[in-house]
Amino acid sequence: MSVIELKNITKSFMDGMQKREILHDLNLTVNKGEFVAIVGPSGSGKSTFLRSINLLESPSGGEILYHGDNVLEKGYDLTTYREKLGMVFQSFNLFENLNVLENTIVAQTTVLKRDHSEAEKIAKENLEKVGMGERYWQAKPKQLSGGQKQRVAIARALSMNPDAILFDEPTSALDPEMVGEVLKIMQDLAQEGLTMIVVTHEMEFARDVSHRVIFMDKGVIAEEGKPEELFTNPKEERTKEFLQRYLS
C-alpha cells in the first residue's frame, strides 16, 4: 500500500533571464513500512527532492499523491499532510531556549492540540526509545553533543505519530564517533516498520538497511533498485563511477 506517490515532479527557478531546472520529471512510490535511501553526488538534487516531498520546497510541476489524493491540488488541506510527514534535518533545528523534554512536547501541543500531560507521556516514551532518558530531559540543546541533539530531533518527529519520516543527511553534521549511534537508532526504527525516506552519504548504511536505493544525478533518478542489486551490479555508468569512488 503506497503512502506517498510522486509523479513527474519538476523544480525550476529563474537565474537572471535563464530558467534553471533542478529536478527533472521525477517519479517515486513509497510503500508503507519501506525504507528508501536516496544517494548521489553533491548538487544532484537529493535534498531539494526530499524537501519537495513535504513541500518545504514547492514543486514547479507534477503531482504528490498522499494515500491517493493529490496534495498539490487547489483546496487540499495541507495541514494534515504536513502533520503526517516527520522531518529530521542535518542541522537538528531544535529550539535553543527550550529543554529536551519541551522540544519534544511543543509540536504535539501546538500542532496536534494534544493535552500537555498526554504529550509529555509520549515525549518521554520516545526520548527513552532513542536513548535520551530522564537525565537529559532538563538539558538545553547547547549542553548536548551533535549525536544527542539528533536523537532528540528523531524523538520529536516520532512523537507526532507520522506516517513517514524524511531524513535529510541526518549524520552529515556529526563527529565520526557520533554517526554510528544515530544510524543504529534509524536501523532499529526501520526494523520496526517505520516508513522512511533518507538522503544519506552513508553508503554502507544504505546498502545494509534500506529496502530500495535511489541514485540521483543532475536532477534525475538515474537508477533505482534493491541495494544488493544496485551496489553489486549497477547498470548505469554514472552509478558505477559514483559507487567506485565512495566504496573504494
Protein backbone atom coordinates (compact mmCIF):
# COMPACT_ATOMS: atom_id res chain seq x y z
CA MET A 1 0.00 0.00 0.00
CA SER A 2 1.55 3.32 -1.05
CA VAL A 3 1.87 6.16 1.44
CA ILE A 4 3.35 8.72 -0.98
CA GLU A 5 3.47 8.69 -4.76
CA LEU A 6 5.38 11.34 -6.68
CA LYS A 7 4.57 11.78 -10.36
CA ASN A 8 6.59 13.84 -12.84
CA ILE A 9 7.96 16.20 -10.17
CA THR A 10 9.93 19.15 -11.55
CA LYS A 11 11.57 22.09 -9.81
CA SER A 12 12.94 25.14 -11.59
CA PHE A 13 13.78 28.76 -10.85
CA MET A 14 14.83 31.83 -12.80
CA ASP A 15 18.54 32.62 -12.67
CA GLY A 16 18.59 36.11 -14.17
CA MET A 17 16.97 35.67 -17.56
CA GLN A 18 17.63 31.95 -17.65
CA LYS A 19 15.38 29.17 -16.36
CA ARG A 20 17.28 26.55 -14.38
CA GLU A 21 15.68 23.19 -13.79
CA ILE A 22 16.94 21.40 -10.67
CA LEU A 23 14.58 18.40 -10.73
CA HIS A 24 13.55 16.77 -14.00
CA ASP A 25 10.41 14.64 -14.16
CA LEU A 26 10.93 12.52 -11.03
CA ASN A 27 8.70 9.57 -10.19
CA LEU A 28 8.75 7.62 -6.93
CA THR A 29 6.31 5.48 -4.98
CA VAL A 30 6.98 4.79 -1.30
CA ASN A 31 5.04 1.98 0.35
CA LYS A 32 4.05 1.60 3.97
CA GLY A 33 6.95 0.23 6.05
CA GLU A 34 9.51 0.81 3.31
CA PHE A 35 12.97 2.32 3.86
CA VAL A 36 14.09 4.21 0.75
CA ALA A 37 17.65 5.58 0.62
CA ILE A 38 18.47 8.42 -1.77
CA VAL A 39 22.14 8.66 -2.69
CA GLY A 40 24.17 10.60 -5.24
CA PRO A 41 26.84 13.26 -5.63
CA SER A 42 26.56 16.70 -4.01
CA GLY A 43 24.42 19.02 -6.08
CA SER A 44 22.43 16.20 -7.68
CA GLY A 45 19.11 17.47 -6.27
CA LYS A 46 18.66 14.92 -3.46
CA SER A 47 17.81 17.40 -0.68
CA THR A 48 15.65 19.53 -2.98
CA PHE A 49 13.72 16.39 -3.92
CA LEU A 50 13.26 15.41 -0.27
CA ARG A 51 12.16 18.93 0.70
CA SER A 52 9.71 18.92 -2.20
CA ILE A 53 8.03 15.82 -0.79
CA ASN A 54 6.88 17.65 2.35
CA LEU A 55 6.56 20.98 0.49
CA LEU A 56 9.36 22.86 2.21
CA GLU A 57 10.17 23.44 -1.45
CA SER A 58 7.22 23.95 -3.80
CA PRO A 59 7.48 21.76 -6.91
CA SER A 60 7.14 23.61 -10.21
CA GLY A 61 5.14 20.76 -11.71
CA GLY A 62 3.86 17.24 -11.15
CA GLU A 63 1.69 15.51 -8.57
CA ILE A 64 2.22 14.36 -4.99
CA LEU A 65 -0.31 11.71 -4.04
CA TYR A 66 -0.80 11.06 -0.31
CA HIS A 67 -2.97 7.96 0.19
CA GLY A 68 -4.19 8.59 -3.36
CA ASP A 69 -5.09 12.30 -3.03
CA ASN A 70 -3.09 14.95 -4.90
CA VAL A 71 -1.87 17.37 -2.22
CA LEU A 72 -0.90 19.95 -4.84
CA GLU A 73 -4.50 20.37 -5.99
CA LYS A 74 -6.08 23.68 -5.12
CA GLY A 75 -8.18 23.41 -1.99
CA TYR A 76 -6.36 20.41 -0.49
CA ASP A 77 -5.82 20.85 3.27
CA LEU A 78 -2.04 20.73 3.59
CA THR A 79 -2.07 20.87 7.39
CA THR A 80 -2.93 17.20 7.81
CA TYR A 81 -0.37 16.17 5.19
CA ARG A 82 2.42 18.11 6.88
CA GLU A 83 1.46 16.75 10.29
CA LYS A 84 1.81 13.21 8.99
CA LEU A 85 5.29 13.66 7.48
CA GLY A 86 8.06 13.98 10.05
CA MET A 87 11.31 15.67 9.06
CA VAL A 88 14.78 15.29 10.57
CA PHE A 89 17.31 17.85 9.35
CA GLN A 90 21.10 17.71 9.28
CA SER A 91 21.20 20.83 11.49
CA PHE A 92 18.81 19.39 14.16
CA ASN A 93 16.51 22.51 14.24
CA LEU A 94 15.88 22.33 18.00
CA PHE A 95 14.62 25.35 19.93
CA GLU A 96 17.67 26.58 21.85
CA ASN A 97 15.55 28.23 24.58
CA LEU A 98 13.64 25.00 25.36
CA ASN A 99 14.94 21.95 27.18
CA VAL A 100 14.96 18.45 25.68
CA LEU A 101 11.54 17.49 27.01
CA GLU A 102 9.94 20.80 25.97
CA ASN A 103 11.44 20.46 22.48
CA THR A 104 9.73 17.08 22.16
CA ILE A 105 6.37 18.31 23.52
CA VAL A 106 5.86 21.67 21.80
CA ALA A 107 4.78 20.49 18.32
CA GLN A 108 2.39 17.96 19.83
CA THR A 109 0.52 20.62 21.85
CA THR A 110 0.59 23.40 19.24
CA VAL A 111 0.05 21.41 16.02
CA LEU A 112 -1.82 18.29 17.15
CA LYS A 113 -3.56 20.14 20.04
CA ARG A 114 -2.73 17.30 22.42
CA ASP A 115 -3.30 17.71 26.11
CA HIS A 116 0.02 18.62 27.78
CA SER A 117 0.11 15.57 30.05
CA GLU A 118 -0.51 13.20 27.13
CA ALA A 119 2.13 14.99 25.03
CA GLU A 120 4.62 14.73 27.90
CA LYS A 121 3.98 10.99 28.30
CA ILE A 122 4.50 10.39 24.55
CA ALA A 123 7.63 12.59 24.53
CA LYS A 124 9.18 10.69 27.45
CA GLU A 125 8.48 7.33 25.79
CA ASN A 126 10.15 8.40 22.55
CA LEU A 127 13.11 10.03 24.28
CA GLU A 128 13.68 6.79 26.19
CA LYS A 129 13.41 4.89 22.90
CA VAL A 130 16.27 6.87 21.32
CA GLY A 131 18.49 6.64 24.40
CA MET A 132 17.76 10.13 25.78
CA GLY A 133 16.39 9.11 29.18
CA GLU A 134 15.37 11.17 32.20
CA ARG A 135 18.82 12.56 33.00
CA TYR A 136 18.74 14.53 29.71
CA TRP A 137 15.19 15.92 29.86
CA GLN A 138 16.06 19.25 31.54
CA ALA A 139 19.16 19.88 29.41
CA LYS A 140 19.19 22.67 26.84
CA PRO A 141 20.45 21.87 23.29
CA LYS A 142 23.73 23.75 23.88
CA GLN A 143 24.57 21.20 26.60
CA LEU A 144 24.22 18.25 24.20
CA SER A 145 26.55 16.66 21.66
CA GLY A 146 25.54 16.59 18.00
CA GLY A 147 24.51 12.96 18.24
CA GLN A 148 22.33 13.67 21.27
CA LYS A 149 20.67 16.61 19.51
CA GLN A 150 19.89 14.43 16.53
CA ARG A 151 18.37 11.78 18.77
CA VAL A 152 16.11 14.43 20.32
CA ALA A 153 15.11 15.54 16.81
CA ILE A 154 14.20 11.94 15.96
CA ALA A 155 12.18 11.59 19.20
CA ARG A 156 10.37 14.84 18.36
CA ALA A 157 9.45 13.53 14.89
CA LEU A 158 8.29 10.17 16.30
CA SER A 159 6.10 11.93 18.88
CA MET A 160 3.91 13.30 16.07
CA ASN A 161 2.89 9.71 15.09
CA PRO A 162 3.87 10.31 11.46
CA ASP A 163 3.01 8.08 8.51
CA ALA A 164 6.60 8.56 7.35
CA ILE A 165 9.76 10.38 8.41
CA LEU A 166 12.06 12.13 5.95
CA PHE A 167 15.74 12.35 6.93
CA ASP A 168 17.93 14.93 5.16
CA GLU A 169 21.55 13.79 5.61
CA PRO A 170 20.96 13.24 9.36
CA THR A 171 24.60 12.36 10.13
CA SER A 172 26.46 14.89 7.96
CA ALA A 173 26.90 17.44 10.78
CA LEU A 174 28.06 14.84 13.32
CA ASP A 175 31.52 13.90 14.55
CA PRO A 176 32.50 10.46 13.18
CA GLU A 177 32.09 8.76 16.58
CA MET A 178 28.50 10.07 16.84
CA VAL A 179 27.43 8.80 13.41
CA GLY A 180 27.09 5.16 14.46
CA GLU A 181 24.71 5.82 17.36
CA VAL A 182 22.28 7.79 15.16
CA LEU A 183 22.43 5.20 12.37
CA LYS A 184 21.72 2.44 14.93
CA ILE A 185 18.53 4.21 16.04
CA MET A 186 17.44 4.63 12.42
CA GLN A 187 18.16 0.96 11.76
CA ASP A 188 16.01 -0.02 14.77
CA LEU A 189 13.16 2.18 13.51
CA ALA A 190 13.41 0.58 10.06
CA GLN A 191 13.18 -2.87 11.63
CA GLU A 192 10.04 -1.76 13.49
CA GLY A 193 8.45 -0.95 10.12
CA LEU A 194 8.55 2.85 10.16
CA THR A 195 8.26 4.30 6.65
CA MET A 196 11.46 6.27 6.00
CA ILE A 197 12.95 8.25 3.12
CA VAL A 198 16.59 9.03 3.82
CA VAL A 199 19.05 11.21 1.91
CA THR A 200 22.45 9.94 3.00
CA HIS A 201 26.15 9.77 2.20
CA GLU A 202 26.50 6.67 4.40
CA MET A 203 26.78 4.06 1.65
CA GLU A 204 27.24 1.01 3.86
CA PHE A 205 24.18 2.02 5.86
CA ALA A 206 22.13 2.47 2.66
CA ARG A 207 23.32 -0.91 1.40
CA ASP A 208 22.67 -2.81 4.63
CA VAL A 209 19.42 -1.25 5.90
CA SER A 210 17.32 0.08 3.00
CA HIS A 211 14.74 -1.85 1.01
CA ARG A 212 15.41 0.27 -2.08
CA VAL A 213 18.12 2.67 -3.18
CA ILE A 214 17.55 5.66 -5.46
CA PHE A 215 20.65 7.04 -7.21
CA MET A 216 20.22 10.67 -8.27
CA ASP A 217 22.46 12.59 -10.61
CA LYS A 218 21.93 16.02 -12.22
CA GLY A 219 18.32 16.26 -11.04
CA VAL A 220 17.12 12.90 -12.34
CA ILE A 221 16.71 9.43 -10.88
CA ALA A 222 19.50 7.78 -12.85
CA GLU A 223 18.96 4.33 -11.35
CA GLU A 224 16.99 2.59 -8.64
CA GLY A 225 16.79 -0.91 -7.29
CA LYS A 226 17.26 -3.24 -4.36
CA PRO A 227 20.50 -2.46 -2.53
CA GLU A 228 22.04 -5.86 -3.26
CA GLU A 229 21.49 -5.24 -7.00
CA LEU A 230 22.45 -1.58 -7.17
CA PHE A 231 25.59 -1.88 -5.07
CA THR A 232 26.93 -5.10 -6.60
CA ASN A 233 25.75 -4.79 -10.19
CA PRO A 234 24.83 -1.20 -11.12
CA LYS A 235 23.57 -0.84 -14.70
CA GLU A 236 24.33 2.82 -15.37
CA GLU A 237 27.88 4.04 -15.95
CA ARG A 238 27.49 7.08 -13.69
CA THR A 239 26.17 4.86 -10.87
CA LYS A 240 29.27 2.66 -11.25
CA GLU A 241 31.59 5.69 -11.15
CA PHE A 242 29.88 7.12 -8.08
CA LEU A 243 29.91 3.84 -6.14
CA GLN A 244 33.54 3.09 -7.04
CA ARG A 245 34.53 6.49 -5.68
CA TYR A 246 32.54 6.03 -2.48
CA LEU A 247 33.21 2.40 -1.72
CA SER A 248 36.91 2.29 -2.60
